[in-house]
Protein backbone atom coordinates (compact mmCIF):
# COMPACT_ATOMS: atom_id res chain seq x y z
CA MET A 1 38.93 -32.52 76.00
CA THR A 2 35.55 -34.12 76.68
CA PRO A 3 33.93 -33.73 80.13
CA PRO A 4 32.60 -36.92 81.78
CA TYR A 5 29.33 -38.02 80.15
CA GLN A 6 28.52 -41.49 81.54
CA GLY A 7 26.64 -41.58 84.85
CA VAL A 8 28.18 -38.30 86.05
CA PHE A 9 26.52 -34.89 85.86
CA GLY A 10 28.53 -31.72 86.30
CA GLY A 11 31.95 -33.38 86.02
CA VAL A 12 34.84 -31.58 84.35
CA THR A 13 38.05 -32.51 82.53
CA PHE A 14 41.22 -30.48 82.97
CA THR A 15 44.83 -30.29 81.85
CA GLU A 16 47.40 -28.49 83.99
CA TYR A 17 50.76 -27.08 82.89
CA THR A 18 53.62 -25.96 85.11
CA VAL A 19 55.09 -23.00 83.24
CA PRO A 20 58.27 -21.02 84.02
CA LEU A 21 57.55 -17.51 82.72
CA PRO A 22 60.22 -15.26 81.24
CA LYS A 23 61.36 -12.34 83.33
CA THR A 24 60.22 -9.41 81.25
CA ASP A 25 57.78 -6.55 81.66
CA GLN A 26 55.03 -8.05 79.48
CA VAL A 27 53.88 -11.69 79.44
CA HIS A 28 50.63 -12.97 77.95
CA PHE A 29 48.99 -16.38 77.65
CA ASN A 30 47.13 -16.59 74.34
CA PHE A 31 44.83 -19.43 73.26
CA GLN A 32 41.69 -20.39 71.35
CA VAL A 33 38.65 -22.42 72.38
CA ALA A 34 35.83 -24.03 70.41
CA LEU A 35 33.34 -26.85 70.28
CA SER A 36 34.23 -29.29 67.52
CA ASP A 37 32.14 -29.28 64.34
CA ALA A 38 31.36 -32.89 65.22
CA ALA A 39 29.48 -31.75 68.36
CA THR A 40 25.85 -32.22 67.31
CA ARG A 41 24.31 -30.04 70.01
CA THR A 42 22.74 -26.59 70.24
CA ASP A 43 23.67 -25.50 73.76
CA PRO A 44 27.10 -24.21 74.79
CA GLY A 45 30.06 -25.75 76.54
CA THR A 46 32.05 -23.78 79.07
CA PHE A 47 35.82 -23.19 79.11
CA ILE A 48 37.67 -22.04 82.24
CA VAL A 49 41.28 -21.08 83.01
CA TRP A 50 42.82 -21.19 86.48
CA ILE A 51 46.12 -19.60 87.41
CA ASN A 52 47.65 -21.07 90.58
CA GLY A 53 44.26 -22.43 91.63
CA THR A 54 42.26 -19.23 91.02
CA GLU A 55 39.76 -18.80 88.19
CA VAL A 56 40.81 -15.94 85.90
CA TRP A 57 38.86 -16.59 82.68
CA ARG A 58 35.57 -18.22 81.62
CA LEU A 59 33.64 -18.45 78.36
CA SER A 60 30.54 -20.39 77.30
CA THR A 61 30.25 -20.89 73.55
CA ASN A 62 28.36 -22.90 70.95
CA ALA A 63 29.88 -24.80 68.03
CA GLY A 64 30.68 -22.86 64.89
CA SER A 65 33.91 -20.93 65.36
CA TRP A 66 37.14 -20.55 67.29
CA ASN A 67 37.08 -17.98 70.10
CA PRO A 68 40.30 -16.19 71.04
CA GLY A 69 41.40 -15.77 74.64
CA SER A 70 44.24 -13.78 76.19
CA LEU A 71 45.44 -13.38 79.76
CA ASP A 72 47.92 -10.80 81.02
CA LEU A 73 50.46 -12.70 83.16
CA SER A 74 52.89 -9.79 83.57
CA SER A 75 52.40 -9.78 87.35
CA TYR A 76 53.82 -13.33 87.39
CA ALA A 77 56.89 -12.53 85.23
CA GLY A 78 59.93 -14.51 86.30
CA GLN A 79 57.84 -16.97 88.34
CA THR A 80 56.80 -20.57 87.72
CA ILE A 81 53.02 -20.84 87.66
CA LYS A 82 50.36 -23.51 87.17
CA ILE A 83 47.95 -22.97 84.28
CA ARG A 84 44.88 -25.23 84.42
CA LEU A 85 42.60 -25.54 81.37
CA ILE A 86 39.14 -26.80 82.35
CA SER A 87 36.36 -28.07 80.08
CA THR A 88 32.84 -28.30 81.54
CA PRO A 89 29.42 -29.42 80.20
CA GLY A 90 28.23 -25.81 80.09
CA PRO A 91 25.50 -23.87 81.89
CA ASN A 92 22.87 -26.51 81.04
CA ASN A 93 25.00 -29.31 82.48
CA ASN A 94 24.68 -31.17 79.16
CA ALA A 95 27.71 -33.36 78.44
CA THR A 96 26.32 -34.90 75.23
CA ASN A 97 28.89 -34.57 72.41
CA ASP A 98 30.68 -31.95 74.49
CA TYR A 99 33.77 -31.99 72.29
CA THR A 100 35.63 -29.03 73.78
CA CYS A 101 38.84 -28.02 72.00
CA TRP A 102 41.77 -25.84 73.05
CA GLY A 103 44.20 -24.59 70.41
CA ASN A 104 47.21 -22.37 69.72
CA LEU A 105 48.37 -22.26 73.34
CA SER A 106 51.31 -19.85 73.59
CA ILE A 107 53.23 -17.68 76.02
CA ASN A 108 54.08 -14.35 74.41
CA THR A 109 56.24 -11.45 75.55
CA ASN A 110 56.57 -7.90 74.33
CA GLN A 111 58.42 -7.86 71.04
CA ALA A 112 60.56 -4.75 71.59
CA ARG A 113 62.92 -4.90 74.58
CA PRO A 114 65.74 -2.33 74.50
CA GLY A 115 68.93 -3.10 76.35
CA GLU A 116 68.21 -6.79 76.85
CA LYS A 117 71.11 -8.62 78.55
CA PHE A 118 71.91 -12.25 77.76
CA THR A 119 74.79 -14.71 77.81
CA LEU A 120 76.75 -15.59 74.69
CA THR A 121 78.60 -18.90 75.02
CA MET A 122 81.22 -19.68 72.40
CA PRO A 123 82.08 -23.28 71.43
CA ALA A 124 85.15 -24.70 73.16
CA GLY A 125 88.28 -24.09 71.13
CA SER A 126 86.87 -21.10 69.25
CA GLY A 127 89.03 -18.64 71.14
CA SER A 128 88.61 -16.38 74.14
CA ALA A 129 87.91 -13.16 72.22
CA PRO A 130 84.81 -13.46 70.01
CA TYR A 131 84.19 -10.84 67.37
CA PRO A 132 80.56 -9.67 67.30
CA PRO A 133 80.62 -6.61 64.99
CA GLY A 134 79.16 -3.53 66.64
CA VAL A 135 78.49 -5.30 69.95
CA ILE A 136 80.48 -5.41 73.20
CA ALA A 137 80.96 -8.92 74.62
CA THR A 138 82.15 -8.80 78.25
CA PRO A 139 83.76 -11.98 79.69
CA ILE A 140 81.85 -13.57 82.58
CA ALA A 141 84.10 -14.52 85.49
CA GLY A 142 84.24 -18.24 86.22
CA GLN A 143 82.46 -19.21 83.00
CA PRO A 144 84.91 -20.19 80.25
CA ASN A 145 83.92 -18.98 76.79
CA ALA A 146 80.89 -17.12 78.24
CA PHE A 147 80.26 -13.42 77.61
CA GLN A 148 77.56 -10.95 78.55
CA VAL A 149 76.01 -9.11 75.64
CA THR A 150 73.53 -6.21 75.72
CA ARG A 151 71.33 -5.94 72.67
CA ASP A 152 68.02 -4.40 71.68
CA VAL A 153 65.45 -7.11 70.96
CA PRO A 154 64.41 -8.00 68.32
CA SER A 155 67.64 -7.81 66.34
CA GLN A 156 70.29 -9.97 64.76
CA LEU A 157 73.54 -11.04 66.36
CA LEU A 158 76.45 -12.13 64.18
CA VAL A 159 79.49 -13.58 65.96
CA PHE A 160 82.85 -14.72 64.61
CA SER A 161 85.54 -16.55 66.56
CA SER A 162 87.96 -13.86 65.32
CA GLN A 163 87.78 -10.87 63.01
CA PRO A 164 87.53 -12.10 59.38
CA GLN A 165 90.23 -11.10 56.95
CA GLN A 166 89.67 -8.37 54.39
CA ILE A 167 88.37 -9.45 50.97
CA PRO A 168 90.05 -7.15 48.42
CA SER A 169 88.01 -5.76 45.56
CA GLY A 170 88.38 -7.92 42.47
CA THR A 171 88.63 -11.18 44.41
CA ASP A 172 87.02 -14.29 42.94
CA LEU A 173 85.57 -16.27 45.85
CA LEU A 174 86.72 -19.44 44.12
CA ASP A 175 90.25 -18.36 45.13
CA LEU A 176 89.32 -18.37 48.83
CA PRO A 177 88.67 -21.32 51.18
CA TYR A 178 85.05 -22.12 51.83
CA THR A 179 83.00 -24.48 53.99
CA LYS A 180 80.46 -26.84 52.47
CA PHE A 181 77.27 -27.88 54.24
CA SER A 182 74.45 -30.16 53.19
CA SER A 183 70.90 -30.51 54.51
CA THR A 184 67.87 -32.62 53.60
CA PHE A 185 64.17 -32.60 54.51
CA ASP A 186 64.48 -29.28 56.38
CA GLY A 187 67.16 -30.74 58.66
CA LEU A 188 70.00 -28.76 60.19
CA PRO A 189 72.98 -28.32 57.83
CA ALA A 190 75.83 -30.77 58.45
CA THR A 191 79.43 -30.25 57.37
CA TYR A 192 80.02 -31.86 54.02
CA GLN A 193 83.31 -33.78 54.14
CA ASP A 194 84.54 -32.67 50.75
CA PRO A 195 85.90 -29.13 51.16
CA GLN A 196 87.43 -27.46 48.13
CA ASN A 197 86.96 -30.55 45.95
CA GLY A 198 84.02 -28.88 44.26
CA ILE A 199 86.40 -26.80 42.12
CA ILE A 200 86.51 -28.27 38.61
CA LYS A 201 89.26 -27.25 36.23
CA ASN A 202 88.71 -29.67 33.40
CA ASN A 203 86.76 -27.46 31.04
CA VAL A 204 83.06 -28.09 31.69
CA GLY A 205 80.33 -26.62 29.55
CA LEU A 206 77.83 -24.04 30.74
CA GLY A 207 75.41 -22.69 28.17
CA GLY A 208 77.64 -23.75 25.29
CA VAL A 209 80.67 -21.96 26.77
CA THR A 210 83.63 -23.99 27.98
CA LEU A 211 84.81 -22.79 31.38
CA SER A 212 88.34 -23.31 32.68
CA ARG A 213 87.22 -23.26 36.32
CA THR A 214 83.85 -23.75 38.01
CA LEU A 215 82.45 -24.65 41.41
CA PHE A 216 80.34 -27.81 41.15
CA THR A 217 77.50 -28.51 43.61
CA ASN A 218 75.05 -31.39 43.38
CA PRO A 219 72.31 -31.05 46.04
CA PRO A 220 70.71 -34.10 47.64
CA ALA A 221 67.13 -34.96 46.74
CA ASN A 222 64.72 -32.61 48.54
CA GLY A 223 67.72 -30.86 50.08
CA ARG A 224 70.30 -28.13 49.75
CA VAL A 225 74.03 -27.58 49.61
CA TYR A 226 75.51 -24.41 51.13
CA LEU A 227 78.91 -22.94 50.26
CA THR A 228 80.05 -20.48 52.92
CA TRP A 229 82.71 -17.78 52.98
CA THR A 230 83.51 -15.24 55.71
CA GLY A 231 85.37 -11.96 55.27
CA THR A 232 85.34 -8.20 55.67
CA LEU A 233 84.09 -6.24 52.68
CA PRO A 234 85.97 -3.27 51.18
CA ALA A 235 85.28 0.19 52.63
CA LEU A 236 83.93 1.33 49.26
CA LYS A 237 80.60 0.34 47.73
CA SER A 238 80.81 -3.09 46.10
CA HIS A 239 78.83 -5.75 44.25
CA LEU A 240 78.99 -9.52 44.01
CA THR A 241 78.64 -10.77 40.44
CA PHE A 242 78.53 -14.40 39.37
CA ASN A 243 77.63 -16.87 36.66
CA TYR A 244 75.46 -19.87 37.47
CA GLY A 245 73.45 -22.60 35.80
CA LEU A 246 72.95 -26.30 35.14
CA MET A 247 75.89 -27.95 33.43
CA ASP A 248 75.69 -28.94 29.78
CA ALA A 249 75.59 -32.63 28.94
CA PRO A 250 79.07 -34.08 29.50
CA PRO A 251 80.74 -36.36 26.94
CA GLY A 252 78.84 -39.61 26.56
CA TYR A 253 75.45 -38.01 27.19
CA THR A 254 72.98 -36.74 24.64
CA THR A 255 70.14 -34.31 25.18
CA ALA A 256 67.70 -37.22 25.03
CA ASN A 257 69.50 -38.87 27.98
CA ILE A 258 69.02 -35.89 30.28
CA VAL A 259 65.84 -34.56 31.87
CA TYR A 260 66.75 -31.87 34.39
CA SER A 261 64.57 -31.85 37.51
CA GLY A 262 65.58 -28.25 38.12
CA ALA A 263 67.19 -26.41 41.03
CA ASP A 264 67.00 -23.10 42.85
CA PHE A 265 70.13 -20.96 43.06
CA LEU A 266 70.22 -18.78 46.17
CA VAL A 267 72.56 -16.24 47.78
CA TYR A 268 72.55 -15.22 51.45
CA ILE A 269 74.41 -12.39 53.17
CA ASN A 270 74.51 -12.73 56.97
CA GLY A 271 71.57 -15.10 56.79
CA GLN A 272 69.46 -12.71 54.70
CA GLN A 273 68.31 -14.09 51.37
CA VAL A 274 69.29 -11.64 48.62
CA PHE A 275 68.95 -13.79 45.50
CA ASP A 276 66.69 -16.65 44.38
CA GLN A 277 66.41 -17.97 40.85
CA ALA A 278 64.89 -21.27 39.68
CA VAL A 279 66.63 -22.98 36.74
CA GLN A 280 64.97 -25.81 34.81
CA THR A 281 67.26 -26.31 31.82
CA ALA A 282 70.95 -26.23 31.01
CA GLY A 283 72.41 -22.80 30.28
CA SER A 284 74.38 -19.90 31.66
CA HIS A 285 72.92 -17.07 33.75
CA THR A 286 74.35 -13.97 35.40
CA GLY A 287 73.52 -12.52 38.80
CA THR A 288 74.51 -9.34 40.66
CA ILE A 289 74.08 -8.50 44.34
CA ASP A 290 74.38 -4.93 45.68
CA LEU A 291 76.47 -5.10 48.87
CA SER A 292 76.12 -1.41 49.78
CA GLN A 293 74.44 -2.04 53.14
CA TRP A 294 77.38 -4.19 54.25
CA THR A 295 80.17 -1.84 53.11
CA GLY A 296 83.24 -2.25 55.29
CA LYS A 297 81.52 -4.88 57.47
CA ALA A 298 82.34 -8.47 58.34
CA VAL A 299 79.96 -10.80 56.51
CA VAL A 300 78.99 -14.41 55.93
CA ILE A 301 78.43 -15.04 52.22
CA GLN A 302 76.56 -18.20 51.23
CA LEU A 303 75.83 -19.66 47.81
CA ALA A 304 73.18 -22.36 47.98
CA VAL A 305 71.49 -24.74 45.58
CA ASP A 306 68.13 -26.30 46.39
CA ALA A 307 66.95 -29.43 44.59
CA ASP A 308 63.41 -28.97 43.33
CA GLY A 309 62.55 -32.56 44.12
CA THR A 310 64.58 -35.56 43.03
CA ALA A 311 67.85 -33.75 42.16
CA VAL A 312 68.16 -35.79 38.94
CA PHE A 313 70.89 -34.22 36.79
CA ASP A 314 71.12 -31.24 39.17
CA TRP A 315 74.66 -30.49 38.03
CA CYS A 316 74.77 -26.97 39.47
CA LEU A 317 77.68 -24.72 38.59
CA TRP A 318 78.95 -21.40 39.92
CA SER A 319 81.77 -19.48 38.24
CA ASN A 320 83.37 -16.02 38.28
CA VAL A 321 81.99 -15.20 41.74
CA VAL A 322 83.73 -11.84 41.93
CA LEU A 323 83.61 -9.08 44.52
CA GLY A 324 83.94 -5.85 42.60
CA PRO A 325 82.98 -2.17 42.57
């Protein structure tokens, strides 16, 4: 923001925000101020902050670096306030090249808040009894599908529309129904309208070995495909083992016809990434995930493939995805 500099001396420029603050015990307004490197001047500019019309912060600074600022707004918690950022020509009233800059404006609260209460609203049709493992969800009168939850913050909250069925030890996930999602360019995943059709039973090759059954996923360029299962793990310690890789050249192709662009194979448990392996050439690989920390718990298991660019010949295969001891 540049203060007036033509025919006016001592003028200011300001921006004002109307900000509803969260109702918590600690609230801070953090920011940075600086004169741009393009400001060819040797005297300082002055930065001022008003809260509800009262000056609460002021700094005069020369060009050369960003200067951090922080204001404790805890006394205004739960209120809507006006924050005015004011740029002035500085103590010498010199507006020449007064390129004042404000950056990284943020409202921050205390990170740890035990016993935080909030509302969980389930999608219509998902049932009236959500299953959040380890958390009590109390129905809110007069608000369909709404529940009050008390949770220490920060933390994770995992919610199912109903309690997932048990996954017995020795189960191959390819025997269970899954949901397929696709995303591109960091977009939100969208349901892929091809559930279960990724299972191939016509003897494809992976690392020179012919497989009788595989799960085929071909990610979009600069995107991912997610395969998602839900279930409750066995009460005893277990592992998830699997084979994965880029498919061998099918009939009609020769090695010279194929230049794999490569893909990342990933595994997530309850949103936590537990496996990541980049594959650039055809071949078979083996992975194992220790599921000890989720023993006996309801989980979301996701297998994902990420195209490393164009997705050319990203014929990604999963097989023998077995939950075992």
